[in-house]
Amino acid sequence: MNASPEGLTFPCSFPIKAMGRNSDALPQTVLEIVRRHAPELSADTLTTAESRGGRFISVTATITASSRAQLDAIYGELKAHDSVLATL
């Protein structure tokens, strides 16, 4: 197991959340991006939630993270996508 300065010990279960305007395409976009870095991610493990007004949606993908570099790569690609307004 690898210890990270942020207190994470790898491998670990790690939720990745991306938010954007409410569309049917956002969950698929998040799935495709995360799978490039965590191919074992199953589509049926994604969870979504609409904002109170229904204008926005959050998509959460929980992966087994293997390193900080893997997480940085996922977040970098998500943030660079036009459909993603924010990540957590």
N, C-alpha and C. Protein backbone atom coordinates (compact mmCIF):
# COMPACT_ATOMS: atom_id res chain seq x y z
N MET A 1 0.83 -1.19 0.00
CA MET A 1 0.00 0.00 0.00
C MET A 1 0.87 1.24 0.00
N ASN A 2 0.44 2.23 -0.76
CA ASN A 2 1.13 3.50 -0.87
C ASN A 2 0.46 4.55 -0.02
N ALA A 3 1.21 5.25 0.83
CA ALA A 3 0.64 6.36 1.59
C ALA A 3 0.89 7.64 0.82
N SER A 4 -0.11 8.49 0.80
CA SER A 4 -0.02 9.77 0.11
C SER A 4 0.05 10.89 1.13
N PRO A 5 0.69 12.03 0.78
CA PRO A 5 0.76 13.15 1.72
C PRO A 5 -0.62 13.67 2.13
N GLU A 6 -1.64 13.44 1.31
CA GLU A 6 -2.99 13.91 1.62
C GLU A 6 -3.70 12.97 2.60
N GLY A 7 -3.04 11.93 3.06
CA GLY A 7 -3.65 11.01 4.01
C GLY A 7 -4.34 9.82 3.37
N LEU A 8 -4.31 9.72 2.07
CA LEU A 8 -4.91 8.57 1.40
C LEU A 8 -3.91 7.42 1.36
N THR A 9 -4.42 6.22 1.51
CA THR A 9 -3.60 5.03 1.36
C THR A 9 -4.13 4.28 0.14
N PHE A 10 -3.26 4.04 -0.82
CA PHE A 10 -3.66 3.39 -2.07
C PHE A 10 -3.33 1.92 -2.03
N PRO A 11 -4.16 1.09 -2.65
CA PRO A 11 -5.42 1.41 -3.31
C PRO A 11 -6.51 1.73 -2.29
N CYS A 12 -7.50 2.54 -2.73
CA CYS A 12 -8.63 2.88 -1.87
C CYS A 12 -9.86 3.18 -2.71
N SER A 13 -11.00 3.06 -2.08
CA SER A 13 -12.25 3.42 -2.72
C SER A 13 -12.35 4.95 -2.69
N PHE A 14 -12.63 5.56 -3.85
CA PHE A 14 -12.61 7.02 -3.93
C PHE A 14 -13.75 7.51 -4.82
N PRO A 15 -14.66 8.35 -4.26
CA PRO A 15 -15.74 8.89 -5.07
C PRO A 15 -15.28 10.12 -5.85
N ILE A 16 -15.59 10.15 -7.12
CA ILE A 16 -15.27 11.29 -7.99
C ILE A 16 -16.60 11.89 -8.42
N LYS A 17 -16.77 13.19 -8.16
CA LYS A 17 -18.04 13.84 -8.49
C LYS A 17 -17.80 14.94 -9.50
N ALA A 18 -18.64 14.95 -10.55
CA ALA A 18 -18.60 15.99 -11.57
C ALA A 18 -19.99 16.59 -11.68
N MET A 19 -20.05 17.90 -11.84
CA MET A 19 -21.33 18.58 -11.96
C MET A 19 -21.39 19.38 -13.25
N GLY A 20 -22.60 19.46 -13.81
CA GLY A 20 -22.80 20.21 -15.04
C GLY A 20 -24.28 20.49 -15.25
N ARG A 21 -24.59 21.09 -16.37
CA ARG A 21 -25.99 21.34 -16.71
C ARG A 21 -26.70 20.00 -16.89
N ASN A 22 -27.95 19.96 -16.50
CA ASN A 22 -28.72 18.71 -16.55
C ASN A 22 -28.90 18.27 -18.00
N SER A 23 -28.30 17.16 -18.33
CA SER A 23 -28.46 16.56 -19.66
C SER A 23 -28.25 15.06 -19.54
N ASP A 24 -28.83 14.33 -20.48
CA ASP A 24 -28.64 12.88 -20.49
C ASP A 24 -27.21 12.50 -20.87
N ALA A 25 -26.48 13.43 -21.49
CA ALA A 25 -25.14 13.13 -21.98
C ALA A 25 -24.08 13.18 -20.88
N LEU A 26 -24.30 13.95 -19.82
CA LEU A 26 -23.25 14.11 -18.81
C LEU A 26 -22.84 12.80 -18.14
N PRO A 27 -23.77 11.95 -17.69
CA PRO A 27 -23.31 10.69 -17.09
C PRO A 27 -22.44 9.85 -18.03
N GLN A 28 -22.79 9.81 -19.30
CA GLN A 28 -21.99 9.05 -20.27
C GLN A 28 -20.62 9.68 -20.45
N THR A 29 -20.56 10.99 -20.49
CA THR A 29 -19.29 11.70 -20.62
C THR A 29 -18.38 11.39 -19.43
N VAL A 30 -18.93 11.47 -18.23
CA VAL A 30 -18.15 11.18 -17.02
C VAL A 30 -17.68 9.73 -17.05
N LEU A 31 -18.56 8.82 -17.41
CA LEU A 31 -18.19 7.40 -17.48
C LEU A 31 -17.03 7.18 -18.45
N GLU A 32 -17.10 7.77 -19.63
CA GLU A 32 -16.04 7.60 -20.62
C GLU A 32 -14.71 8.16 -20.13
N ILE A 33 -14.74 9.33 -19.52
CA ILE A 33 -13.50 9.94 -19.03
C ILE A 33 -12.90 9.11 -17.91
N VAL A 34 -13.70 8.75 -16.93
CA VAL A 34 -13.17 8.00 -15.79
C VAL A 34 -12.68 6.63 -16.23
N ARG A 35 -13.38 5.99 -17.15
CA ARG A 35 -12.95 4.66 -17.62
C ARG A 35 -11.60 4.68 -18.33
N ARG A 36 -11.23 5.81 -18.90
CA ARG A 36 -9.90 5.88 -19.54
C ARG A 36 -8.79 5.68 -18.50
N HIS A 37 -9.09 6.01 -17.26
CA HIS A 37 -8.09 5.93 -16.19
C HIS A 37 -8.38 4.80 -15.20
N ALA A 38 -9.64 4.35 -15.18
CA ALA A 38 -10.06 3.25 -14.29
C ALA A 38 -11.00 2.35 -15.08
N PRO A 39 -10.43 1.51 -15.97
CA PRO A 39 -11.24 0.71 -16.90
C PRO A 39 -12.23 -0.23 -16.24
N GLU A 40 -12.02 -0.55 -14.98
CA GLU A 40 -12.91 -1.49 -14.29
C GLU A 40 -14.23 -0.85 -13.87
N LEU A 41 -14.38 0.47 -14.02
CA LEU A 41 -15.60 1.16 -13.60
C LEU A 41 -16.80 0.64 -14.37
N SER A 42 -17.83 0.24 -13.63
CA SER A 42 -19.06 -0.27 -14.23
C SER A 42 -20.09 0.87 -14.30
N ALA A 43 -20.81 0.94 -15.41
CA ALA A 43 -21.82 2.00 -15.60
C ALA A 43 -22.89 1.96 -14.52
N ASP A 44 -23.21 0.78 -14.02
CA ASP A 44 -24.28 0.70 -13.02
C ASP A 44 -23.85 1.15 -11.63
N THR A 45 -22.58 1.52 -11.46
CA THR A 45 -22.14 2.06 -10.17
C THR A 45 -22.20 3.59 -10.14
N LEU A 46 -22.48 4.22 -11.28
CA LEU A 46 -22.63 5.68 -11.31
C LEU A 46 -23.91 6.07 -10.58
N THR A 47 -23.83 7.17 -9.84
CA THR A 47 -25.04 7.73 -9.24
C THR A 47 -25.20 9.16 -9.72
N THR A 48 -26.45 9.59 -9.87
CA THR A 48 -26.72 10.95 -10.31
C THR A 48 -27.70 11.60 -9.35
N ALA A 49 -27.64 12.93 -9.29
CA ALA A 49 -28.59 13.69 -8.48
C ALA A 49 -28.82 15.03 -9.16
N GLU A 50 -30.08 15.41 -9.26
CA GLU A 50 -30.43 16.70 -9.85
C GLU A 50 -30.41 17.77 -8.76
N SER A 51 -30.12 19.00 -9.19
CA SER A 51 -30.20 20.12 -8.26
C SER A 51 -31.66 20.38 -7.93
N ARG A 52 -31.89 21.16 -6.91
CA ARG A 52 -33.25 21.43 -6.46
C ARG A 52 -34.12 21.98 -7.60
N GLY A 53 -33.57 22.88 -8.40
CA GLY A 53 -34.33 23.45 -9.50
C GLY A 53 -34.31 22.62 -10.77
N GLY A 54 -33.50 21.56 -10.79
CA GLY A 54 -33.42 20.67 -11.94
C GLY A 54 -32.55 21.16 -13.09
N ARG A 55 -31.87 22.30 -12.91
CA ARG A 55 -31.03 22.83 -13.99
C ARG A 55 -29.67 22.14 -14.07
N PHE A 56 -29.23 21.56 -12.96
CA PHE A 56 -27.90 20.96 -12.91
C PHE A 56 -28.01 19.51 -12.43
N ILE A 57 -26.95 18.75 -12.72
CA ILE A 57 -26.89 17.36 -12.30
C ILE A 57 -25.47 17.07 -11.80
N SER A 58 -25.38 16.22 -10.79
CA SER A 58 -24.08 15.74 -10.35
C SER A 58 -24.01 14.25 -10.66
N VAL A 59 -22.82 13.83 -11.05
CA VAL A 59 -22.57 12.42 -11.37
C VAL A 59 -21.41 11.96 -10.49
N THR A 60 -21.62 10.89 -9.75
CA THR A 60 -20.58 10.35 -8.88
C THR A 60 -20.17 8.96 -9.38
N ALA A 61 -18.86 8.81 -9.56
CA ALA A 61 -18.28 7.53 -9.95
C ALA A 61 -17.30 7.13 -8.84
N THR A 62 -17.54 6.01 -8.21
CA THR A 62 -16.63 5.54 -7.16
C THR A 62 -15.71 4.48 -7.75
N ILE A 63 -14.41 4.77 -7.67
CA ILE A 63 -13.41 3.86 -8.25
C ILE A 63 -12.50 3.32 -7.15
N THR A 64 -11.75 2.31 -7.50
CA THR A 64 -10.65 1.87 -6.65
C THR A 64 -9.42 2.60 -7.16
N ALA A 65 -9.05 3.67 -6.48
CA ALA A 65 -7.94 4.50 -6.90
C ALA A 65 -6.61 3.82 -6.58
N SER A 66 -5.70 3.86 -7.54
CA SER A 66 -4.41 3.21 -7.34
C SER A 66 -3.28 4.19 -7.01
N SER A 67 -3.48 5.48 -7.31
CA SER A 67 -2.43 6.47 -7.02
C SER A 67 -2.98 7.88 -7.10
N ARG A 68 -2.23 8.81 -6.54
CA ARG A 68 -2.58 10.23 -6.64
C ARG A 68 -2.50 10.68 -8.10
N ALA A 69 -1.54 10.16 -8.83
CA ALA A 69 -1.39 10.52 -10.25
C ALA A 69 -2.63 10.12 -11.04
N GLN A 70 -3.19 8.96 -10.74
CA GLN A 70 -4.41 8.52 -11.41
C GLN A 70 -5.55 9.50 -11.14
N LEU A 71 -5.73 9.89 -9.88
CA LEU A 71 -6.78 10.83 -9.52
C LEU A 71 -6.56 12.19 -10.19
N ASP A 72 -5.32 12.66 -10.19
CA ASP A 72 -5.01 13.94 -10.84
C ASP A 72 -5.35 13.91 -12.33
N ALA A 73 -5.06 12.79 -12.98
CA ALA A 73 -5.35 12.66 -14.41
C ALA A 73 -6.85 12.67 -14.67
N ILE A 74 -7.61 11.97 -13.83
CA ILE A 74 -9.07 11.96 -13.99
C ILE A 74 -9.64 13.35 -13.80
N TYR A 75 -9.26 14.01 -12.70
CA TYR A 75 -9.78 15.34 -12.43
C TYR A 75 -9.35 16.34 -13.50
N GLY A 76 -8.13 16.22 -13.99
CA GLY A 76 -7.66 17.12 -15.03
C GLY A 76 -8.49 17.00 -16.30
N GLU A 77 -8.80 15.77 -16.68
CA GLU A 77 -9.58 15.56 -17.90
C GLU A 77 -11.04 15.99 -17.71
N LEU A 78 -11.60 15.72 -16.52
CA LEU A 78 -12.96 16.16 -16.25
C LEU A 78 -13.07 17.69 -16.30
N LYS A 79 -12.13 18.36 -15.63
CA LYS A 79 -12.16 19.84 -15.60
C LYS A 79 -11.99 20.46 -16.98
N ALA A 80 -11.30 19.78 -17.85
CA ALA A 80 -11.04 20.32 -19.20
C ALA A 80 -12.25 20.13 -20.12
N HIS A 81 -13.20 19.29 -19.74
CA HIS A 81 -14.35 19.03 -20.62
C HIS A 81 -15.38 20.16 -20.52
N ASP A 82 -15.91 20.59 -21.64
CA ASP A 82 -16.86 21.70 -21.69
C ASP A 82 -18.14 21.44 -20.90
N SER A 83 -18.56 20.19 -20.79
CA SER A 83 -19.82 19.87 -20.10
C SER A 83 -19.70 19.88 -18.58
N VAL A 84 -18.47 19.81 -18.08
CA VAL A 84 -18.25 19.73 -16.63
C VAL A 84 -17.99 21.13 -16.10
N LEU A 85 -18.87 21.58 -15.19
CA LEU A 85 -18.74 22.91 -14.62
C LEU A 85 -17.92 22.91 -13.33
N ALA A 86 -17.95 21.79 -12.58
CA ALA A 86 -17.21 21.70 -11.32
C ALA A 86 -16.95 20.24 -10.99
N THR A 87 -15.93 20.02 -10.15
CA THR A 87 -15.62 18.67 -9.68
C THR A 87 -15.39 18.71 -8.18
N LEU A 88 -15.61 17.59 -7.54
CA LEU A 88 -15.31 17.42 -6.12
C LEU A 88 -14.59 16.10 -5.94
